[in-house]
Amino acid sequence: MNQPNMILLYVNDPAASVKFYEAILQAKPIEQSPTFAMFKFNPSTMLGLWLRTGVKPEPSVTAGATEIGMHVADEAELRSVLAAWQGSGAKVLQQPERMDFGLTFTAQDPDGHRLRVFCD
Protein backbone atom coordinates (compact mmCIF):
# COMPACT_ATOMS: atom_id res chain seq x y z
CA MET A 1 0.00 0.00 0.00
CA ASN A 2 1.24 3.50 -0.75
CA GLN A 3 1.96 5.58 2.34
CA PRO A 4 2.27 9.39 2.25
CA ASN A 5 5.88 10.27 3.04
CA MET A 6 6.37 13.90 2.07
CA ILE A 7 4.76 17.19 2.95
CA LEU A 8 5.42 19.98 0.43
CA LEU A 9 5.10 23.64 1.37
CA TYR A 10 5.22 26.31 -1.32
CA VAL A 11 7.40 29.19 -0.13
CA ASN A 12 8.40 32.64 -1.34
CA ASP A 13 12.03 32.47 -0.22
CA PRO A 14 13.51 28.97 0.24
CA ALA A 15 16.63 30.33 1.99
CA ALA A 16 14.52 32.19 4.58
CA SER A 17 12.32 29.13 5.08
CA VAL A 18 15.39 26.92 5.54
CA LYS A 19 16.69 29.27 8.22
CA PHE A 20 13.31 29.17 10.01
CA TYR A 21 12.95 25.38 9.85
CA GLU A 22 16.59 24.80 10.86
CA ALA A 23 15.84 26.76 14.03
CA ILE A 24 12.55 25.10 14.96
CA LEU A 25 13.47 21.56 13.89
CA GLN A 26 17.07 21.86 15.15
CA ALA A 27 18.23 20.11 11.97
CA LYS A 28 19.89 20.88 8.66
CA PRO A 29 18.20 20.11 5.34
CA ILE A 30 19.23 16.81 3.77
CA GLU A 31 18.91 18.39 0.33
CA GLN A 32 19.08 22.05 -0.72
CA SER A 33 19.16 24.08 -3.93
CA PRO A 34 18.17 27.67 -4.73
CA THR A 35 14.55 26.58 -5.37
CA PHE A 36 14.05 23.60 -3.05
CA ALA A 37 15.06 22.19 0.31
CA MET A 38 14.14 19.00 2.10
CA PHE A 39 14.20 18.13 5.80
CA LYS A 40 13.79 14.71 7.34
CA PHE A 41 10.94 14.88 9.87
CA ASN A 42 11.34 11.28 10.97
CA PRO A 43 12.54 8.02 9.37
CA SER A 44 9.58 7.92 6.99
CA THR A 45 8.42 11.52 6.46
CA MET A 46 10.11 14.42 4.68
CA LEU A 47 9.29 18.13 4.57
CA GLY A 48 9.90 19.82 1.22
CA LEU A 49 10.14 23.61 0.83
CA TRP A 50 9.57 24.51 -2.83
CA LEU A 51 9.86 27.97 -4.39
CA ARG A 52 6.25 28.89 -5.14
CA THR A 53 6.99 30.40 -8.56
CA GLY A 54 8.52 27.16 -9.85
CA VAL A 55 5.68 24.80 -9.00
CA LYS A 56 3.74 23.20 -11.86
CA PRO A 57 0.85 23.20 -11.99
CA GLU A 58 0.70 26.55 -10.23
CA PRO A 59 -0.70 26.19 -6.70
CA SER A 60 -4.06 27.72 -5.94
CA VAL A 61 -4.28 27.10 -2.17
CA THR A 62 -3.27 29.89 0.14
CA ALA A 63 -1.03 29.43 3.17
CA GLY A 64 -2.78 28.85 6.45
CA ALA A 65 -5.49 26.65 4.95
CA THR A 66 -3.88 23.54 6.46
CA GLU A 67 -1.64 22.69 9.40
CA ILE A 68 1.31 20.48 10.13
CA GLY A 69 0.75 18.80 13.49
CA MET A 70 3.52 17.71 15.82
CA HIS A 71 2.72 15.56 18.83
CA VAL A 72 4.92 15.91 21.94
CA ALA A 73 5.01 13.75 25.06
CA ASP A 74 3.64 16.13 27.67
CA GLU A 75 2.96 19.70 28.77
CA ALA A 76 6.56 20.30 29.84
CA GLU A 77 7.83 19.41 26.37
CA LEU A 78 5.11 21.49 24.72
CA ARG A 79 6.11 24.55 26.74
CA SER A 80 9.79 23.90 26.01
CA VAL A 81 9.07 23.76 22.26
CA LEU A 82 7.01 26.95 22.52
CA ALA A 83 9.86 28.80 24.28
CA ALA A 84 12.43 27.57 21.75
CA TRP A 85 10.25 28.56 18.79
CA GLN A 86 9.53 31.98 20.23
CA GLY A 87 13.27 32.41 20.77
CA SER A 88 13.77 31.56 17.09
CA GLY A 89 11.30 34.22 15.98
CA ALA A 90 8.29 32.05 15.20
CA LYS A 91 5.03 33.98 15.21
CA VAL A 92 2.69 32.37 17.74
CA LEU A 93 -0.94 32.47 16.62
CA GLN A 94 -2.39 30.61 19.61
CA GLN A 95 -0.88 30.48 23.07
CA PRO A 96 -1.14 27.13 24.89
CA GLU A 97 -4.80 26.25 25.28
CA ARG A 98 -6.71 23.14 26.29
CA MET A 99 -8.95 21.89 23.50
CA ASP A 100 -10.97 18.69 22.99
CA PHE A 101 -7.86 16.75 21.90
CA GLY A 102 -5.44 18.10 24.54
CA LEU A 103 -3.12 21.01 25.19
CA THR A 104 -1.99 22.82 22.04
CA PHE A 105 -0.37 25.94 20.60
CA THR A 106 -0.17 27.12 17.01
CA ALA A 107 2.65 29.01 15.29
CA GLN A 108 3.26 30.28 11.77
CA ASP A 109 6.23 30.01 9.44
CA PRO A 110 7.47 32.95 7.28
CA ASP A 111 4.97 32.07 4.52
CA GLY A 112 1.97 31.76 6.81
CA HIS A 113 1.88 27.95 7.04
CA ARG A 114 0.41 26.86 10.36
CA LEU A 115 2.32 24.56 12.73
CA ARG A 116 0.39 22.99 15.60
CA VAL A 117 2.13 21.37 18.57
CA PHE A 118 -0.03 19.30 20.91
CA CYS A 119 -0.02 16.72 23.69
CA ASP A 120 -2.75 14.49 25.10
C-alpha atoms as a PDB file:
ATOM      1  CA  MET A   1       0.000   0.000   0.000  1.00  0.00           C
ATOM      2  CA  ASN A   2       1.240   3.504  -0.748  1.00  0.00           C
ATOM      3  CA  GLN A   3       1.959   5.578   2.336  1.00  0.00           C
ATOM      4  CA  PRO A   4       2.272   9.387   2.248  1.00  0.00           C
ATOM      5  CA  ASN A   5       5.884  10.266   3.039  1.00  0.00           C
ATOM      6  CA  MET A   6       6.367  13.901   2.073  1.00  0.00           C
ATOM      7  CA  ILE A   7       4.761  17.194   2.953  1.00  0.00           C
ATOM      8  CA  LEU A   8       5.421  19.984   0.432  1.00  0.00           C
ATOM      9  CA  LEU A   9       5.099  23.637   1.369  1.00  0.00           C
ATOM     10  CA  TYR A  10       5.216  26.315  -1.318  1.00  0.00           C
ATOM     11  CA  VAL A  11       7.398  29.187  -0.129  1.00  0.00           C
ATOM     12  CA  ASN A  12       8.404  32.644  -1.343  1.00  0.00           C
ATOM     13  CA  ASP A  13      12.035  32.466  -0.221  1.00  0.00           C
ATOM     14  CA  PRO A  14      13.512  28.974   0.244  1.00  0.00           C
ATOM     15  CA  ALA A  15      16.630  30.334   1.990  1.00  0.00           C
ATOM     16  CA  ALA A  16      14.524  32.194   4.581  1.00  0.00           C
ATOM     17  CA  SER A  17      12.324  29.131   5.077  1.00  0.00           C
ATOM     18  CA  VAL A  18      15.392  26.920   5.538  1.00  0.00           C
ATOM     19  CA  LYS A  19      16.686  29.272   8.221  1.00  0.00           C
ATOM     20  CA  PHE A  20      13.315  29.169  10.011  1.00  0.00           C
ATOM     21  CA  TYR A  21      12.951  25.376   9.847  1.00  0.00           C
ATOM     22  CA  GLU A  22      16.588  24.799  10.855  1.00  0.00           C
ATOM     23  CA  ALA A  23      15.836  26.756  14.029  1.00  0.00           C
ATOM     24  CA  ILE A  24      12.549  25.104  14.962  1.00  0.00           C
ATOM     25  CA  LEU A  25      13.473  21.557  13.894  1.00  0.00           C
ATOM     26  CA  GLN A  26      17.074  21.860  15.146  1.00  0.00           C
ATOM     27  CA  ALA A  27      18.226  20.110  11.971  1.00  0.00           C
ATOM     28  CA  LYS A  28      19.889  20.882   8.655  1.00  0.00           C
ATOM     29  CA  PRO A  29      18.201  20.107   5.337  1.00  0.00           C
ATOM     30  CA  ILE A  30      19.227  16.813   3.766  1.00  0.00           C
ATOM     31  CA  GLU A  31      18.915  18.394   0.325  1.00  0.00           C
ATOM     32  CA  GLN A  32      19.080  22.046  -0.718  1.00  0.00           C
ATOM     33  CA  SER A  33      19.163  24.082  -3.925  1.00  0.00           C
ATOM     34  CA  PRO A  34      18.167  27.671  -4.731  1.00  0.00           C
ATOM     35  CA  THR A  35      14.555  26.583  -5.373  1.00  0.00           C
ATOM     36  CA  PHE A  36      14.051  23.601  -3.052  1.00  0.00           C
ATOM     37  CA  ALA A  37      15.059  22.190   0.315  1.00  0.00           C
ATOM     38  CA  MET A  38      14.138  18.996   2.103  1.00  0.00           C
ATOM     39  CA  PHE A  39      14.204  18.133   5.797  1.00  0.00           C
ATOM     40  CA  LYS A  40      13.787  14.709   7.339  1.00  0.00           C
ATOM     41  CA  PHE A  41      10.936  14.882   9.870  1.00  0.00           C
ATOM     42  CA  ASN A  42      11.343  11.285  10.974  1.00  0.00           C
ATOM     43  CA  PRO A  43      12.544   8.020   9.370  1.00  0.00           C
ATOM     44  CA  SER A  44       9.583   7.916   6.991  1.00  0.00           C
ATOM     45  CA  THR A  45       8.416  11.517   6.457  1.00  0.00           C
ATOM     46  CA  MET A  46      10.108  14.424   4.679  1.00  0.00           C
ATOM     47  CA  LEU A  47       9.292  18.134   4.565  1.00  0.00           C
ATOM     48  CA  GLY A  48       9.902  19.824   1.218  1.00  0.00           C
ATOM     49  CA  LEU A  49      10.138  23.606   0.832  1.00  0.00           C
ATOM     50  CA  TRP A  50       9.572  24.511  -2.828  1.00  0.00           C
ATOM     51  CA  LEU A  51       9.862  27.969  -4.391  1.00  0.00           C
ATOM     52  CA  ARG A  52       6.251  28.886  -5.137  1.00  0.00           C
ATOM     53  CA  THR A  53       6.992  30.405  -8.562  1.00  0.00           C
ATOM     54  CA  GLY A  54       8.516  27.165  -9.851  1.00  0.00           C
ATOM     55  CA  VAL A  55       5.678  24.802  -9.000  1.00  0.00           C
ATOM     56  CA  LYS A  56       3.744  23.204 -11.864  1.00  0.00           C
ATOM     57  CA  PRO A  57       0.847  23.197 -11.990  1.00  0.00           C
ATOM     58  CA  GLU A  58       0.698  26.546 -10.233  1.00  0.00           C
ATOM     59  CA  PRO A  59      -0.695  26.186  -6.704  1.00  0.00           C
ATOM     60  CA  SER A  60      -4.058  27.719  -5.938  1.00  0.00           C
ATOM     61  CA  VAL A  61      -4.283  27.096  -2.171  1.00  0.00           C
ATOM     62  CA  THR A  62      -3.270  29.895   0.143  1.00  0.00           C
ATOM     63  CA  ALA A  63      -1.030  29.426   3.167  1.00  0.00           C
ATOM     64  CA  GLY A  64      -2.780  28.850   6.453  1.00  0.00           C
ATOM     65  CA  ALA A  65      -5.486  26.650   4.948  1.00  0.00           C
ATOM     66  CA  THR A  66      -3.882  23.536   6.462  1.00  0.00           C
ATOM     67  CA  GLU A  67      -1.641  22.695   9.399  1.00  0.00           C
ATOM     68  CA  ILE A  68       1.311  20.475  10.127  1.00  0.00           C
ATOM     69  CA  GLY A  69       0.751  18.805  13.490  1.00  0.00           C
ATOM     70  CA  MET A  70       3.524  17.714  15.818  1.00  0.00           C
ATOM     71  CA  HIS A  71       2.725  15.562  18.834  1.00  0.00           C
ATOM     72  CA  VAL A  72       4.915  15.908  21.936  1.00  0.00           C
ATOM     73  CA  ALA A  73       5.013  13.749  25.060  1.00  0.00           C
ATOM     74  CA  ASP A  74       3.637  16.127  27.669  1.00  0.00           C
ATOM     75  CA  GLU A  75       2.957  19.700  28.770  1.00  0.00           C
ATOM     76  CA  ALA A  76       6.560  20.304  29.843  1.00  0.00           C
ATOM     77  CA  GLU A  77       7.826  19.408  26.365  1.00  0.00           C
ATOM     78  CA  LEU A  78       5.110  21.487  24.715  1.00  0.00           C
ATOM     79  CA  ARG A  79       6.111  24.552  26.743  1.00  0.00           C
ATOM     80  CA  SER A  80       9.791  23.905  26.009  1.00  0.00           C
ATOM     81  CA  VAL A  81       9.066  23.761  22.259  1.00  0.00           C
ATOM     82  CA  LEU A  82       7.012  26.951  22.520  1.00  0.00           C
ATOM     83  CA  ALA A  83       9.857  28.797  24.277  1.00  0.00           C
ATOM     84  CA  ALA A  84      12.427  27.569  21.750  1.00  0.00           C
ATOM     85  CA  TRP A  85      10.254  28.560  18.789  1.00  0.00           C
ATOM     86  CA  GLN A  86       9.534  31.984  20.233  1.00  0.00           C
ATOM     87  CA  GLY A  87      13.274  32.413  20.765  1.00  0.00           C
ATOM     88  CA  SER A  88      13.768  31.555  17.088  1.00  0.00           C
ATOM     89  CA  GLY A  89      11.301  34.224  15.983  1.00  0.00           C
ATOM     90  CA  ALA A  90       8.287  32.046  15.203  1.00  0.00           C
ATOM     91  CA  LYS A  91       5.029  33.977  15.209  1.00  0.00           C
ATOM     92  CA  VAL A  92       2.687  32.375  17.742  1.00  0.00           C
ATOM     93  CA  LEU A  93      -0.943  32.470  16.625  1.00  0.00           C
ATOM     94  CA  GLN A  94      -2.394  30.607  19.606  1.00  0.00           C
ATOM     95  CA  GLN A  95      -0.875  30.478  23.068  1.00  0.00           C
ATOM     96  CA  PRO A  96      -1.144  27.126  24.893  1.00  0.00           C
ATOM     97  CA  GLU A  97      -4.797  26.253  25.280  1.00  0.00           C
ATOM     98  CA  ARG A  98      -6.712  23.136  26.289  1.00  0.00           C
ATOM     99  CA  MET A  99      -8.951  21.893  23.503  1.00  0.00           C
ATOM    100  CA  ASP A 100     -10.969  18.693  22.991  1.00  0.00           C
ATOM    101  CA  PHE A 101      -7.858  16.749  21.904  1.00  0.00           C
ATOM    102  CA  GLY A 102      -5.444  18.102  24.543  1.00  0.00           C
ATOM    103  CA  LEU A 103      -3.124  21.009  25.188  1.00  0.00           C
ATOM    104  CA  THR A 104      -1.991  22.824  22.039  1.00  0.00           C
ATOM    105  CA  PHE A 105      -0.374  25.938  20.596  1.00  0.00           C
ATOM    106  CA  THR A 106      -0.166  27.116  17.007  1.00  0.00           C
ATOM    107  CA  ALA A 107       2.651  29.015  15.294  1.00  0.00           C
ATOM    108  CA  GLN A 108       3.256  30.279  11.768  1.00  0.00           C
ATOM    109  CA  ASP A 109       6.235  30.010   9.436  1.00  0.00           C
ATOM    110  CA  PRO A 110       7.473  32.951   7.276  1.00  0.00           C
ATOM    111  CA  ASP A 111       4.965  32.075   4.518  1.00  0.00           C
ATOM    112  CA  GLY A 112       1.965  31.764   6.814  1.00  0.00           C
ATOM    113  CA  HIS A 113       1.881  27.953   7.041  1.00  0.00           C
ATOM    114  CA  ARG A 114       0.408  26.857  10.364  1.00  0.00           C
ATOM    115  CA  LEU A 115       2.324  24.563  12.726  1.00  0.00           C
ATOM    116  CA  ARG A 116       0.388  22.985  15.604  1.00  0.00           C
ATOM    117  CA  VAL A 117       2.126  21.368  18.570  1.00  0.00           C
ATOM    118  CA  PHE A 118      -0.029  19.296  20.907  1.00  0.00           C
ATOM    119  CA  CYS A 119      -0.015  16.716  23.689  1.00  0.00           C
ATOM    120  CA  ASP A 120      -2.752  14.490  25.100  1.00  0.00           C
END
